[in-house]
Amino acid sequence: MRDGGGRSIPVDAELQAWLTDGAPPVVFTAGSANVRSEAFFDAAVSVSKALGLRAVLVTRSPDIVASDLPATMRHEAYVPFGRLLPRSRALVSHGGVGTCAQALASGTPHVVAHMAFDQRDNGSRLEDLGTGRAISMAKFNGKRAQKALEAVLEDEVVTRAEELSRLVDRDAALDRTCQEIEAMGA
């Protein structure tokens, strides 16, 4: 069963072996609702190759990811971020609030390629916190993605992300949420 952080769902054995067998990867996801993200994943492959990074490309739509990925890259339909992000070097995503929260909790630097709703604001807040960079999904290409990813891989951003993750207390947050819900029913 999923616990909100994905900590109780194990990582697939094949992915687990791949993660153990190399450097931490960059995780790329355009969000579960974005099924037209071919350009995003093409840029992900391009920037990962250019920077010599391993990558996990997460999308439920395998047809939008190149079928001939090198051994340094994997496509996954689903991976619990509560398990994957702590073992990752960085995250590049659409910037949904849940995904941003997972990155902050795990201490993972984050590039937000925002499209709509709260995503631009979420990316801006990560920039203000010193844990990420934001760019428009409409302008997301290999060159811009590389520049943003290089920025979040700088030591000061990595250190800041790790510092903030130590402030996250999942158990206290869950307890407080339950207290608030119970108080509403009283």
Protein backbone atom coordinates (compact mmCIF):
# COMPACT_ATOMS: atom_id res chain seq x y z
CA MET A 1 0.00 0.00 0.00
CA ARG A 2 1.18 3.51 -0.77
CA ASP A 3 1.76 5.79 2.22
CA GLY A 4 1.77 9.15 0.42
CA GLY A 5 5.56 9.15 0.18
CA GLY A 6 5.75 5.85 -1.67
CA ARG A 7 8.02 4.48 1.05
CA SER A 8 6.06 1.27 1.55
CA ILE A 9 6.06 0.27 -2.12
CA PRO A 10 9.28 -1.50 -3.06
CA VAL A 11 11.32 -0.57 -6.10
CA ASP A 12 11.23 -3.18 -8.87
CA ALA A 13 14.16 -5.62 -8.48
CA GLU A 14 15.58 -4.83 -11.94
CA LEU A 15 15.53 -1.10 -11.27
CA GLN A 16 16.96 -1.70 -7.80
CA ALA A 17 19.93 -3.55 -9.33
CA TRP A 18 20.43 -0.80 -11.93
CA LEU A 19 20.40 1.90 -9.23
CA THR A 20 22.92 -0.03 -7.13
CA ASP A 21 25.20 -0.60 -10.11
CA GLY A 22 26.07 3.01 -10.88
CA ALA A 23 26.02 6.68 -10.03
CA PRO A 24 22.77 8.25 -8.81
CA PRO A 25 20.58 9.14 -11.81
CA VAL A 26 18.65 12.24 -12.72
CA VAL A 27 14.92 11.54 -12.72
CA PHE A 28 12.80 13.06 -15.49
CA THR A 29 9.00 13.14 -15.38
CA ALA A 30 6.58 15.42 -17.18
CA GLY A 31 3.73 14.47 -14.85
CA SER A 32 1.19 11.68 -14.99
CA ALA A 33 -1.36 13.74 -16.94
CA ASN A 34 1.06 14.94 -19.62
CA VAL A 35 0.87 12.36 -22.40
CA ARG A 36 2.24 14.70 -25.09
CA SER A 37 5.74 15.15 -23.78
CA GLU A 38 7.92 13.68 -26.53
CA ALA A 39 10.02 16.86 -26.75
CA PHE A 40 10.55 16.83 -22.97
CA PHE A 41 11.89 13.27 -23.03
CA ASP A 42 13.95 13.90 -26.17
CA ALA A 43 15.60 16.82 -24.33
CA ALA A 44 16.06 14.57 -21.25
CA VAL A 45 17.97 12.03 -23.31
CA SER A 46 20.01 14.75 -25.03
CA VAL A 47 21.05 16.54 -21.83
CA SER A 48 21.80 13.28 -20.02
CA LYS A 49 24.11 12.21 -22.84
CA ALA A 50 25.75 15.65 -23.04
CA LEU A 51 26.48 15.71 -19.30
CA GLY A 52 27.35 12.02 -19.01
CA LEU A 53 24.52 11.38 -16.54
CA ARG A 54 22.45 8.32 -15.85
CA ALA A 55 18.73 8.94 -16.13
CA VAL A 56 15.38 7.44 -15.23
CA LEU A 57 12.56 8.60 -17.52
CA VAL A 58 9.22 8.19 -15.77
CA THR A 59 6.06 8.20 -17.86
CA ARG A 60 3.03 5.95 -18.22
CA SER A 61 3.28 6.45 -21.99
CA PRO A 62 6.20 4.34 -23.23
CA ASP A 63 5.57 5.35 -26.85
CA ILE A 64 6.81 8.90 -26.14
CA VAL A 65 10.24 7.72 -24.99
CA ALA A 66 12.91 6.59 -27.44
CA SER A 67 12.97 2.81 -27.65
CA ASP A 68 16.74 2.66 -28.10
CA LEU A 69 17.87 4.15 -24.79
CA PRO A 70 21.52 3.58 -23.85
CA ALA A 71 22.31 1.38 -20.83
CA THR A 72 22.77 4.55 -18.76
CA MET A 73 19.06 5.36 -19.12
CA ARG A 74 15.85 3.58 -18.23
CA HIS A 75 12.17 4.12 -18.85
CA GLU A 76 9.83 3.33 -15.97
CA ALA A 77 6.03 3.58 -16.07
CA TYR A 78 5.91 4.19 -12.32
CA VAL A 79 8.39 4.39 -9.48
CA PRO A 80 7.53 5.53 -5.96
CA PHE A 81 9.39 8.82 -5.59
CA GLY A 82 9.70 8.24 -1.85
CA ARG A 83 12.06 5.39 -2.75
CA LEU A 84 13.68 6.78 -5.91
CA LEU A 85 14.42 10.43 -5.15
CA PRO A 86 16.65 9.80 -2.11
CA ARG A 87 18.84 7.73 -4.45
CA SER A 88 18.82 10.34 -7.23
CA ARG A 89 21.15 13.17 -8.13
CA ALA A 90 18.42 15.57 -9.30
CA LEU A 91 14.83 15.73 -10.48
CA VAL A 92 13.46 17.41 -13.61
CA SER A 93 9.67 17.58 -13.55
CA HIS A 94 6.51 19.50 -14.35
CA GLY A 95 6.53 20.99 -10.85
CA GLY A 96 3.31 19.66 -9.38
CA VAL A 97 3.03 20.40 -5.68
CA GLY A 98 3.27 16.74 -4.66
CA THR A 99 6.35 16.18 -6.78
CA CYS A 100 7.96 19.34 -5.38
CA ALA A 101 7.19 18.18 -1.84
CA GLN A 102 8.80 14.80 -2.55
CA ALA A 103 11.94 16.50 -3.88
CA LEU A 104 12.17 18.80 -0.86
CA ALA A 105 11.63 15.93 1.58
CA SER A 106 14.33 13.82 -0.07
CA GLY A 107 16.87 16.64 -0.45
CA THR A 108 16.85 16.36 -4.23
CA PRO A 109 17.71 19.45 -6.34
CA HIS A 110 14.89 20.14 -8.80
CA VAL A 111 14.40 21.68 -12.23
CA VAL A 112 10.76 22.61 -12.78
CA ALA A 113 9.59 22.71 -16.39
CA HIS A 114 6.24 24.34 -15.66
CA MET A 115 3.17 24.23 -17.85
CA ALA A 116 0.06 25.42 -15.96
CA PHE A 117 -1.78 25.89 -12.69
CA ASP A 118 0.52 26.27 -9.65
CA GLN A 119 3.61 24.87 -11.36
CA ARG A 120 5.25 28.19 -12.22
CA ASP A 121 4.76 29.40 -8.66
CA ASN A 122 6.11 26.12 -7.27
CA GLY A 123 9.24 26.48 -9.42
CA SER A 124 9.68 30.08 -8.30
CA ARG A 125 9.43 29.03 -4.66
CA LEU A 126 12.10 26.36 -5.17
CA GLU A 127 14.34 29.01 -6.72
CA ASP A 128 13.70 31.28 -3.72
CA LEU A 129 14.60 28.41 -1.38
CA GLY A 130 17.82 27.79 -3.33
CA THR A 131 16.92 24.20 -4.22
CA GLY A 132 15.86 24.48 -7.83
CA ARG A 133 15.44 26.30 -11.13
CA ALA A 134 12.32 26.92 -13.18
CA ILE A 135 11.81 27.18 -16.92
CA SER A 136 8.74 27.05 -19.10
CA MET A 137 7.93 23.65 -20.59
CA ALA A 138 7.27 25.52 -23.86
CA LYS A 139 10.94 26.62 -23.86
CA PHE A 140 12.32 23.33 -22.52
CA ASN A 141 14.93 22.04 -24.95
CA GLY A 142 18.34 20.40 -24.69
CA LYS A 143 20.30 23.65 -24.32
CA ARG A 144 18.00 25.24 -21.71
CA ALA A 145 17.56 21.97 -19.85
CA GLN A 146 21.31 21.50 -19.70
CA LYS A 147 21.85 25.01 -18.32
CA ALA A 148 19.15 24.54 -15.64
CA LEU A 149 20.38 21.07 -14.70
CA GLU A 150 23.98 22.24 -14.43
CA ALA A 151 22.78 25.02 -12.11
CA VAL A 152 20.99 22.65 -9.71
CA LEU A 153 23.94 20.26 -9.65
CA GLU A 154 26.19 23.00 -8.23
CA ASP A 155 27.42 22.27 -4.72
CA GLU A 156 25.55 25.12 -3.03
CA VAL A 157 22.20 24.01 -4.45
CA VAL A 158 22.83 20.38 -3.50
CA THR A 159 23.86 21.44 0.01
CA ARG A 160 20.80 23.67 0.41
CA ALA A 161 18.45 20.87 -0.72
CA GLU A 162 20.04 18.52 1.81
CA GLU A 163 19.75 21.14 4.58
CA LEU A 164 16.05 21.71 3.93
CA SER A 165 15.29 17.98 3.80
CA ARG A 166 16.50 17.67 7.39
CA LEU A 167 13.67 20.02 8.41
CA VAL A 168 10.99 17.66 7.07
CA ASP A 169 9.38 15.52 9.74
CA ARG A 170 6.90 13.22 7.98
CA ASP A 171 5.59 11.67 11.18
CA ALA A 172 4.91 15.03 12.81
CA ALA A 173 3.17 16.24 9.64
CA LEU A 174 0.96 13.16 9.55
CA ASP A 175 0.11 13.49 13.24
CA ARG A 176 -0.78 17.17 12.81
CA THR A 177 -2.93 16.43 9.76
CA CYS A 178 -4.84 13.74 11.66
CA GLN A 179 -5.37 16.13 14.58
CA GLU A 180 -6.76 18.80 12.24
CA ILE A 181 -9.10 16.34 10.54
CA GLU A 182 -10.33 15.02 13.88
CA ALA A 183 -10.91 18.57 15.12
CA MET A 184 -13.11 19.30 12.09
CA GLY A 185 -15.34 16.35 12.94
CA ALA A 186 -15.82 17.37 16.56
